[in-house]
Amino acid sequence: MTQTGWPETVKEAVDRFVGYLSNEDKEYMKTHSRTDDLQMWITMGREIRNRFGLWQGNKMLMEDAKREHPDDVSAIILDLVWDMVNPDDKIKFTKEEDNFACLMSDDTEEQAEGNF
């Protein structure tokens, strides 16, 4: 954790954000698909960017995510949060060799080139 209290790694950010979620938020995420509620994604993405200093210069977290834009970093974090809350979801996001990848249900891998 940085002196500002911001997480330094994507894993730390995901773990912390899951801890911030209410039981109602987690239940909502379990009973809806990733694409059901765009407003939820917008709101949670903004919360991640603000809470973790992505607009204020949290360079360590941005470097760990290998992304240059705060929106891209928050999207990665939110996808990984979704995976933690929904372990049986068919699409998973993982960090492999310093790049994030989307693992589909048929175990084919699609590299995430900033398309989150």
C-alpha atoms as a PDB file:
ATOM      1  CA  MET A   1       0.000   0.000   0.000  1.00  0.00           C
ATOM      2  CA  THR A   2       1.311   3.451  -0.884  1.00  0.00           C
ATOM      3  CA  GLN A   3       1.647   6.334   1.581  1.00  0.00           C
ATOM      4  CA  THR A   4      -1.657   7.628   0.205  1.00  0.00           C
ATOM      5  CA  GLY A   5      -3.365   4.368   1.133  1.00  0.00           C
ATOM      6  CA  TRP A   6      -3.872   3.412  -2.509  1.00  0.00           C
ATOM      7  CA  PRO A   7      -3.307  -0.175  -3.586  1.00  0.00           C
ATOM      8  CA  GLU A   8      -0.128  -0.826  -5.576  1.00  0.00           C
ATOM      9  CA  THR A   9      -1.228  -3.959  -7.426  1.00  0.00           C
ATOM     10  CA  VAL A  10      -4.315  -5.114  -9.270  1.00  0.00           C
ATOM     11  CA  LYS A  11      -4.662  -8.034  -6.843  1.00  0.00           C
ATOM     12  CA  GLU A  12      -4.587  -5.697  -3.861  1.00  0.00           C
ATOM     13  CA  ALA A  13      -7.170  -3.412  -5.508  1.00  0.00           C
ATOM     14  CA  VAL A  14      -9.476  -6.341  -6.302  1.00  0.00           C
ATOM     15  CA  ASP A  15      -9.234  -7.775  -2.790  1.00  0.00           C
ATOM     16  CA  ARG A  16      -9.917  -4.390  -1.230  1.00  0.00           C
ATOM     17  CA  PHE A  17     -12.829  -3.547  -3.511  1.00  0.00           C
ATOM     18  CA  VAL A  18     -14.506  -6.897  -2.860  1.00  0.00           C
ATOM     19  CA  GLY A  19     -14.221  -6.043   0.838  1.00  0.00           C
ATOM     20  CA  TYR A  20     -15.979  -2.715   0.220  1.00  0.00           C
ATOM     21  CA  LEU A  21     -18.967  -4.344  -1.479  1.00  0.00           C
ATOM     22  CA  SER A  22     -22.129  -4.717   0.550  1.00  0.00           C
ATOM     23  CA  ASN A  23     -23.905  -8.062   0.727  1.00  0.00           C
ATOM     24  CA  GLU A  24     -26.605  -6.515  -1.467  1.00  0.00           C
ATOM     25  CA  ASP A  25     -24.018  -5.561  -4.116  1.00  0.00           C
ATOM     26  CA  LYS A  26     -22.582  -9.077  -4.096  1.00  0.00           C
ATOM     27  CA  GLU A  27     -26.036 -10.658  -4.334  1.00  0.00           C
ATOM     28  CA  TYR A  28     -26.917  -8.365  -7.238  1.00  0.00           C
ATOM     29  CA  MET A  29     -23.725  -9.370  -9.039  1.00  0.00           C
ATOM     30  CA  LYS A  30     -24.505 -13.050  -8.451  1.00  0.00           C
ATOM     31  CA  THR A  31     -28.027 -12.801  -9.879  1.00  0.00           C
ATOM     32  CA  HIS A  32     -27.283 -10.689 -12.974  1.00  0.00           C
ATOM     33  CA  SER A  33     -24.975 -11.066 -15.940  1.00  0.00           C
ATOM     34  CA  ARG A  34     -21.978  -8.801 -16.511  1.00  0.00           C
ATOM     35  CA  THR A  35     -23.931  -6.876 -19.142  1.00  0.00           C
ATOM     36  CA  ASP A  36     -27.300  -6.541 -17.379  1.00  0.00           C
ATOM     37  CA  ASP A  37     -26.753  -3.154 -15.803  1.00  0.00           C
ATOM     38  CA  LEU A  38     -24.470  -0.658 -17.514  1.00  0.00           C
ATOM     39  CA  GLN A  39     -25.153   1.938 -14.819  1.00  0.00           C
ATOM     40  CA  MET A  40     -23.796  -0.413 -12.147  1.00  0.00           C
ATOM     41  CA  TRP A  41     -20.565  -0.816 -14.148  1.00  0.00           C
ATOM     42  CA  ILE A  42     -20.260   2.939 -14.637  1.00  0.00           C
ATOM     43  CA  THR A  43     -20.861   3.640 -10.947  1.00  0.00           C
ATOM     44  CA  MET A  44     -18.502   0.934  -9.661  1.00  0.00           C
ATOM     45  CA  GLY A  45     -15.841   1.876 -12.216  1.00  0.00           C
ATOM     46  CA  ARG A  46     -15.987   5.502 -11.044  1.00  0.00           C
ATOM     47  CA  GLU A  47     -15.774   4.347  -7.438  1.00  0.00           C
ATOM     48  CA  ILE A  48     -12.647   2.297  -8.228  1.00  0.00           C
ATOM     49  CA  ARG A  49     -10.988   5.202 -10.064  1.00  0.00           C
ATOM     50  CA  ASN A  50     -11.738   7.641  -7.245  1.00  0.00           C
ATOM     51  CA  ARG A  51     -11.062   5.338  -4.285  1.00  0.00           C
ATOM     52  CA  PHE A  52      -7.767   4.012  -5.638  1.00  0.00           C
ATOM     53  CA  GLY A  53      -6.326   7.285  -6.926  1.00  0.00           C
ATOM     54  CA  LEU A  54      -6.337   6.451 -10.612  1.00  0.00           C
ATOM     55  CA  TRP A  55      -7.061  10.078 -11.562  1.00  0.00           C
ATOM     56  CA  GLN A  56      -4.679  11.372  -8.892  1.00  0.00           C
ATOM     57  CA  GLY A  57      -1.553   9.604 -10.121  1.00  0.00           C
ATOM     58  CA  ASN A  58      -1.490   6.079  -8.681  1.00  0.00           C
ATOM     59  CA  LYS A  59       1.264   5.091 -11.099  1.00  0.00           C
ATOM     60  CA  MET A  60       2.095   1.836  -9.296  1.00  0.00           C
ATOM     61  CA  LEU A  61      -1.392   0.424  -9.849  1.00  0.00           C
ATOM     62  CA  MET A  62      -1.483   1.615 -13.464  1.00  0.00           C
ATOM     63  CA  GLU A  63       1.931   0.062 -14.128  1.00  0.00           C
ATOM     64  CA  ASP A  64       0.868  -3.231 -12.545  1.00  0.00           C
ATOM     65  CA  ALA A  65      -2.206  -3.279 -14.789  1.00  0.00           C
ATOM     66  CA  LYS A  66      -0.022  -2.441 -17.818  1.00  0.00           C
ATOM     67  CA  ARG A  67      -2.511   0.226 -18.871  1.00  0.00           C
ATOM     68  CA  GLU A  68      -2.149   3.964 -19.352  1.00  0.00           C
ATOM     69  CA  HIS A  69      -5.754   5.109 -18.876  1.00  0.00           C
ATOM     70  CA  PRO A  70      -7.639   5.005 -15.556  1.00  0.00           C
ATOM     71  CA  ASP A  71     -10.803   3.739 -17.282  1.00  0.00           C
ATOM     72  CA  ASP A  72      -8.919   0.699 -18.581  1.00  0.00           C
ATOM     73  CA  VAL A  73      -7.440  -0.061 -15.162  1.00  0.00           C
ATOM     74  CA  SER A  74     -10.806   0.211 -13.410  1.00  0.00           C
ATOM     75  CA  ALA A  75     -12.374  -2.083 -16.045  1.00  0.00           C
ATOM     76  CA  ILE A  76      -9.752  -4.754 -15.369  1.00  0.00           C
ATOM     77  CA  ILE A  77     -10.291  -4.464 -11.616  1.00  0.00           C
ATOM     78  CA  LEU A  78     -14.072  -4.623 -11.955  1.00  0.00           C
ATOM     79  CA  ASP A  79     -13.902  -7.691 -14.209  1.00  0.00           C
ATOM     80  CA  LEU A  80     -11.701  -9.448 -11.669  1.00  0.00           C
ATOM     81  CA  VAL A  81     -14.021  -8.391  -8.829  1.00  0.00           C
ATOM     82  CA  TRP A  82     -16.884  -9.907 -10.821  1.00  0.00           C
ATOM     83  CA  ASP A  83     -14.911 -13.152 -11.124  1.00  0.00           C
ATOM     84  CA  MET A  84     -14.350 -13.296  -7.356  1.00  0.00           C
ATOM     85  CA  VAL A  85     -18.032 -12.749  -6.624  1.00  0.00           C
ATOM     86  CA  ASN A  86     -19.119 -15.147  -9.411  1.00  0.00           C
ATOM     87  CA  PRO A  87     -16.636 -18.031  -9.370  1.00  0.00           C
ATOM     88  CA  ASP A  88     -18.847 -20.119 -11.703  1.00  0.00           C
ATOM     89  CA  ASP A  89     -19.057 -17.470 -14.442  1.00  0.00           C
ATOM     90  CA  LYS A  90     -17.957 -18.844 -17.834  1.00  0.00           C
ATOM     91  CA  ILE A  91     -15.673 -15.916 -18.715  1.00  0.00           C
ATOM     92  CA  LYS A  92     -12.636 -15.302 -16.531  1.00  0.00           C
ATOM     93  CA  PHE A  93      -9.969 -12.610 -16.568  1.00  0.00           C
ATOM     94  CA  THR A  94      -6.466 -13.434 -15.433  1.00  0.00           C
ATOM     95  CA  LYS A  95      -3.006 -11.878 -15.473  1.00  0.00           C
ATOM     96  CA  GLU A  96      -0.517 -13.865 -17.507  1.00  0.00           C
ATOM     97  CA  GLU A  97       2.987 -12.760 -18.412  1.00  0.00           C
ATOM     98  CA  ASP A  98       2.312  -9.125 -17.556  1.00  0.00           C
ATOM     99  CA  ASN A  99      -0.781  -8.918 -19.733  1.00  0.00           C
ATOM    100  CA  PHE A 100      -4.394  -9.500 -18.885  1.00  0.00           C
ATOM    101  CA  ALA A 101      -6.211 -12.177 -20.801  1.00  0.00           C
ATOM    102  CA  CYS A 102      -9.804 -13.267 -21.149  1.00  0.00           C
ATOM    103  CA  LEU A 103     -10.246 -17.000 -20.672  1.00  0.00           C
ATOM    104  CA  MET A 104     -13.377 -18.227 -22.385  1.00  0.00           C
ATOM    105  CA  SER A 105     -15.401 -21.237 -21.295  1.00  0.00           C
ATOM    106  CA  ASP A 106     -13.891 -23.443 -24.033  1.00  0.00           C
ATOM    107  CA  ASP A 107     -10.437 -22.642 -22.618  1.00  0.00           C
ATOM    108  CA  THR A 108      -9.392 -20.613 -25.644  1.00  0.00           C
ATOM    109  CA  GLU A 109      -7.514 -17.485 -24.761  1.00  0.00           C
ATOM    110  CA  GLU A 110      -8.170 -14.043 -26.194  1.00  0.00           C
ATOM    111  CA  GLN A 111      -5.493 -11.501 -25.322  1.00  0.00           C
ATOM    112  CA  ALA A 112      -6.833  -8.301 -23.816  1.00  0.00           C
ATOM    113  CA  GLU A 113      -5.140  -5.509 -25.691  1.00  0.00           C
ATOM    114  CA  GLY A 114      -6.739  -2.661 -23.770  1.00  0.00           C
ATOM    115  CA  ASN A 115     -10.221  -3.670 -24.897  1.00  0.00           C
ATOM    116  CA  PHE A 116     -11.745  -3.854 -21.430  1.00  0.00           C
END
